[in-house]
């Protein structure tokens, strides 16, 4: 989960981490949260909608890649990722 969208966060900032994981044999998924790149919606200040976005990506990943998940976040993406997992 990338840094806070309002502060310039985007999926490409997670590309290096995703590549390292992929090189070690893990499937890695990155995505732009709402209001970033081609993603719909608007970024929020509270992160509550972004938590729902992360949960939706986790559901899609589990259903389509048939894989266990580890959710990783950077900067403000870390508490968003943690909150999504907690729910």
N, C-alpha and C. Protein backbone atom coordinates (compact mmCIF):
# COMPACT_ATOMS: atom_id res chain seq x y z
N UNK A 1 0.87 -1.17 0.00
CA UNK A 1 0.00 0.00 0.00
C UNK A 1 0.91 1.23 0.00
N UNK A 2 0.72 2.08 -1.00
CA UNK A 2 1.61 3.23 -1.13
C UNK A 2 1.30 4.34 -0.13
N UNK A 3 2.17 5.31 -0.12
CA UNK A 3 2.04 6.45 0.77
C UNK A 3 0.75 7.20 0.50
N UNK A 4 0.43 8.09 1.39
CA UNK A 4 -0.80 8.87 1.34
C UNK A 4 -0.94 9.56 -0.01
N UNK A 5 -2.06 9.36 -0.65
CA UNK A 5 -2.32 9.90 -1.98
C UNK A 5 -2.19 11.41 -2.02
N UNK A 6 -2.69 12.06 -1.01
CA UNK A 6 -2.68 13.52 -0.97
C UNK A 6 -1.25 14.06 -0.95
N UNK A 7 -0.32 13.27 -0.47
CA UNK A 7 1.09 13.69 -0.41
C UNK A 7 1.91 13.15 -1.58
N UNK A 8 1.23 12.68 -2.62
CA UNK A 8 1.94 12.22 -3.81
C UNK A 8 2.17 10.72 -3.90
N UNK A 9 1.56 9.97 -3.00
CA UNK A 9 1.71 8.51 -3.05
C UNK A 9 1.12 7.92 -4.31
N UNK A 10 1.77 6.88 -4.82
CA UNK A 10 1.28 6.17 -6.01
C UNK A 10 1.93 4.80 -6.07
N UNK A 11 1.31 3.90 -6.83
CA UNK A 11 1.77 2.52 -6.89
C UNK A 11 3.21 2.40 -7.36
N UNK A 12 3.63 3.28 -8.26
CA UNK A 12 5.00 3.17 -8.78
C UNK A 12 6.05 3.31 -7.69
N UNK A 13 5.70 3.95 -6.58
CA UNK A 13 6.65 4.08 -5.47
C UNK A 13 6.90 2.74 -4.77
N UNK A 14 6.02 1.78 -4.99
CA UNK A 14 6.15 0.45 -4.39
C UNK A 14 6.79 -0.55 -5.36
N UNK A 15 7.12 -0.10 -6.56
CA UNK A 15 7.62 -1.00 -7.60
C UNK A 15 8.90 -1.72 -7.18
N UNK A 16 9.82 -1.02 -6.55
CA UNK A 16 11.08 -1.65 -6.14
C UNK A 16 10.87 -2.77 -5.15
N UNK A 17 10.03 -2.55 -4.16
CA UNK A 17 9.73 -3.59 -3.17
C UNK A 17 9.04 -4.76 -3.85
N UNK A 18 8.08 -4.45 -4.72
CA UNK A 18 7.35 -5.51 -5.43
C UNK A 18 8.30 -6.34 -6.29
N UNK A 19 9.25 -5.69 -6.94
CA UNK A 19 10.20 -6.39 -7.78
C UNK A 19 11.10 -7.31 -6.95
N UNK A 20 11.55 -6.83 -5.81
CA UNK A 20 12.39 -7.65 -4.92
C UNK A 20 11.62 -8.90 -4.47
N UNK A 21 10.36 -8.71 -4.11
CA UNK A 21 9.55 -9.86 -3.69
C UNK A 21 9.35 -10.83 -4.84
N UNK A 22 9.08 -10.30 -6.02
CA UNK A 22 8.90 -11.13 -7.21
C UNK A 22 10.17 -11.91 -7.53
N UNK A 23 11.30 -11.25 -7.41
CA UNK A 23 12.58 -11.92 -7.67
C UNK A 23 12.83 -13.08 -6.72
N UNK A 24 12.22 -13.01 -5.55
CA UNK A 24 12.37 -14.08 -4.54
C UNK A 24 11.25 -15.12 -4.64
N UNK A 25 10.43 -15.02 -5.69
CA UNK A 25 9.41 -16.04 -5.95
C UNK A 25 8.02 -15.74 -5.43
N UNK A 26 7.82 -14.56 -4.89
CA UNK A 26 6.49 -14.19 -4.40
C UNK A 26 5.72 -13.46 -5.50
N UNK A 27 4.39 -13.65 -5.50
CA UNK A 27 3.55 -12.84 -6.38
C UNK A 27 3.34 -11.50 -5.69
N UNK A 28 3.53 -10.41 -6.41
CA UNK A 28 3.39 -9.09 -5.82
C UNK A 28 2.38 -8.28 -6.63
N UNK A 29 1.50 -7.60 -5.91
CA UNK A 29 0.47 -6.77 -6.54
C UNK A 29 0.61 -5.36 -5.99
N UNK A 30 0.69 -4.39 -6.88
CA UNK A 30 0.64 -2.99 -6.47
C UNK A 30 -0.57 -2.35 -7.13
N UNK A 31 -1.07 -1.29 -6.55
CA UNK A 31 -2.24 -0.61 -7.11
C UNK A 31 -2.24 0.84 -6.65
N UNK A 32 -2.88 1.68 -7.44
CA UNK A 32 -3.10 3.07 -7.05
C UNK A 32 -4.36 3.15 -6.23
N UNK A 33 -4.26 3.78 -5.07
CA UNK A 33 -5.46 3.98 -4.26
C UNK A 33 -6.34 5.04 -4.91
N UNK A 34 -7.53 5.20 -4.38
CA UNK A 34 -8.52 6.09 -4.97
C UNK A 34 -7.95 7.49 -5.23
N UNK A 35 -8.33 8.00 -6.40
CA UNK A 35 -7.91 9.35 -6.78
C UNK A 35 -6.50 9.46 -7.32
N UNK A 36 -5.83 8.34 -7.52
CA UNK A 36 -4.46 8.34 -8.02
C UNK A 36 -4.42 7.60 -9.35
N UNK A 37 -3.69 8.13 -10.31
CA UNK A 37 -3.58 7.46 -11.61
C UNK A 37 -4.94 7.29 -12.24
N UNK A 38 -5.24 6.07 -12.66
CA UNK A 38 -6.53 5.80 -13.30
C UNK A 38 -7.59 5.30 -12.31
N UNK A 39 -7.29 5.35 -11.01
CA UNK A 39 -8.25 4.92 -10.01
C UNK A 39 -9.35 5.96 -9.84
N UNK A 40 -10.57 5.47 -9.64
CA UNK A 40 -11.71 6.35 -9.42
C UNK A 40 -11.71 6.89 -8.01
N UNK A 41 -12.58 7.84 -7.77
CA UNK A 41 -12.79 8.35 -6.43
C UNK A 41 -11.85 9.48 -6.08
N UNK A 42 -11.96 9.89 -4.84
CA UNK A 42 -11.11 10.96 -4.31
C UNK A 42 -10.44 10.48 -3.04
N UNK A 43 -9.21 10.88 -2.85
CA UNK A 43 -8.49 10.52 -1.63
C UNK A 43 -9.18 11.15 -0.43
N UNK A 44 -9.15 10.46 0.70
CA UNK A 44 -9.75 10.99 1.92
C UNK A 44 -8.66 11.40 2.90
N UNK A 45 -9.04 12.18 3.85
CA UNK A 45 -8.09 12.61 4.89
C UNK A 45 -7.99 11.55 5.98
N UNK A 46 -9.08 10.84 6.23
CA UNK A 46 -9.11 9.86 7.32
C UNK A 46 -8.56 8.50 6.94
N UNK A 47 -8.56 8.17 5.65
CA UNK A 47 -8.07 6.87 5.21
C UNK A 47 -9.11 5.77 5.28
N UNK A 48 -10.33 6.06 5.75
CA UNK A 48 -11.32 5.01 5.91
C UNK A 48 -11.74 4.40 4.57
N UNK A 49 -11.90 5.22 3.55
CA UNK A 49 -12.26 4.68 2.24
C UNK A 49 -11.10 3.90 1.64
N UNK A 50 -9.88 4.35 1.89
CA UNK A 50 -8.71 3.64 1.40
C UNK A 50 -8.59 2.27 2.04
N UNK A 51 -8.98 2.14 3.30
CA UNK A 51 -8.98 0.82 3.95
C UNK A 51 -9.90 -0.13 3.20
N UNK A 52 -11.07 0.37 2.81
CA UNK A 52 -12.00 -0.45 2.03
C UNK A 52 -11.39 -0.83 0.69
N UNK A 53 -10.64 0.08 0.08
CA UNK A 53 -9.97 -0.22 -1.19
C UNK A 53 -8.96 -1.35 -1.01
N UNK A 54 -8.17 -1.29 0.05
CA UNK A 54 -7.18 -2.33 0.31
C UNK A 54 -7.87 -3.67 0.53
N UNK A 55 -8.96 -3.67 1.28
CA UNK A 55 -9.71 -4.91 1.49
C UNK A 55 -10.22 -5.48 0.17
N UNK A 56 -10.67 -4.61 -0.73
CA UNK A 56 -11.16 -5.08 -2.03
C UNK A 56 -10.02 -5.67 -2.86
N UNK A 57 -8.85 -5.05 -2.82
CA UNK A 57 -7.69 -5.59 -3.56
C UNK A 57 -7.27 -6.92 -2.96
N UNK A 58 -7.30 -7.04 -1.64
CA UNK A 58 -6.96 -8.31 -1.00
C UNK A 58 -7.94 -9.40 -1.42
N UNK A 59 -9.22 -9.07 -1.45
CA UNK A 59 -10.22 -10.06 -1.87
C UNK A 59 -9.98 -10.48 -3.31
N UNK A 60 -9.75 -9.51 -4.19
CA UNK A 60 -9.50 -9.82 -5.60
C UNK A 60 -8.25 -10.70 -5.75
N UNK A 61 -7.19 -10.33 -5.03
CA UNK A 61 -5.93 -11.08 -5.12
C UNK A 61 -6.13 -12.52 -4.65
N UNK A 62 -6.80 -12.69 -3.53
CA UNK A 62 -7.03 -14.04 -3.00
C UNK A 62 -7.86 -14.87 -3.98
N UNK A 63 -8.90 -14.27 -4.55
CA UNK A 63 -9.79 -15.01 -5.46
C UNK A 63 -9.14 -15.30 -6.81
N UNK A 64 -8.31 -14.39 -7.31
CA UNK A 64 -7.76 -14.53 -8.66
C UNK A 64 -6.37 -15.13 -8.71
N UNK A 65 -5.61 -14.98 -7.66
CA UNK A 65 -4.26 -15.55 -7.64
C UNK A 65 -4.19 -16.79 -6.76
N UNK A 66 -5.28 -17.08 -6.05
CA UNK A 66 -5.36 -18.27 -5.21
C UNK A 66 -4.11 -18.40 -4.34
N UNK A 67 -3.85 -17.36 -3.58
CA UNK A 67 -2.61 -17.30 -2.83
C UNK A 67 -2.85 -16.72 -1.44
N UNK A 68 -2.03 -17.14 -0.48
CA UNK A 68 -2.04 -16.48 0.82
C UNK A 68 -1.52 -15.06 0.63
N UNK A 69 -1.85 -14.17 1.56
CA UNK A 69 -1.51 -12.76 1.41
C UNK A 69 -0.63 -12.25 2.53
N UNK A 70 0.26 -11.37 2.17
CA UNK A 70 0.98 -10.51 3.11
C UNK A 70 0.73 -9.10 2.59
N UNK A 71 0.23 -8.24 3.46
CA UNK A 71 -0.06 -6.86 3.05
C UNK A 71 1.04 -5.98 3.61
N UNK A 72 1.64 -5.19 2.73
CA UNK A 72 2.77 -4.35 3.08
C UNK A 72 2.44 -2.91 2.75
N UNK A 73 2.71 -2.01 3.66
CA UNK A 73 2.46 -0.60 3.41
C UNK A 73 3.68 0.23 3.73
N UNK A 74 3.81 1.36 3.04
CA UNK A 74 4.91 2.27 3.25
C UNK A 74 4.37 3.61 3.73
N UNK A 75 5.01 4.19 4.72
CA UNK A 75 4.63 5.49 5.27
C UNK A 75 3.18 5.43 5.72
N UNK A 76 2.34 6.33 5.26
CA UNK A 76 0.93 6.33 5.68
C UNK A 76 0.19 5.09 5.15
N UNK A 77 0.76 4.40 4.18
CA UNK A 77 0.16 3.16 3.69
C UNK A 77 0.25 2.03 4.70
N UNK A 78 1.21 2.12 5.63
CA UNK A 78 1.37 1.07 6.64
C UNK A 78 0.17 0.98 7.58
N UNK A 79 -0.30 2.09 8.19
CA UNK A 79 -1.47 1.95 9.05
C UNK A 79 -2.75 1.64 8.27
N UNK A 80 -2.82 2.08 7.01
CA UNK A 80 -3.98 1.73 6.18
C UNK A 80 -3.97 0.23 5.94
N UNK A 81 -2.80 -0.31 5.59
CA UNK A 81 -2.68 -1.77 5.38
C UNK A 81 -3.02 -2.53 6.65
N UNK A 82 -2.47 -2.08 7.78
CA UNK A 82 -2.74 -2.75 9.05
C UNK A 82 -4.20 -2.71 9.43
N UNK A 83 -4.84 -1.58 9.20
CA UNK A 83 -6.27 -1.46 9.51
C UNK A 83 -7.10 -2.37 8.63
N UNK A 84 -6.72 -2.51 7.38
CA UNK A 84 -7.45 -3.40 6.46
C UNK A 84 -7.33 -4.84 6.93
N UNK A 85 -6.16 -5.24 7.36
CA UNK A 85 -5.95 -6.61 7.82
C UNK A 85 -6.70 -6.85 9.12
N UNK A 86 -6.72 -5.86 9.99
CA UNK A 86 -7.39 -6.00 11.27
C UNK A 86 -8.88 -6.25 11.10
N UNK A 87 -9.47 -5.64 10.07
CA UNK A 87 -10.90 -5.82 9.83
C UNK A 87 -11.14 -7.15 9.17
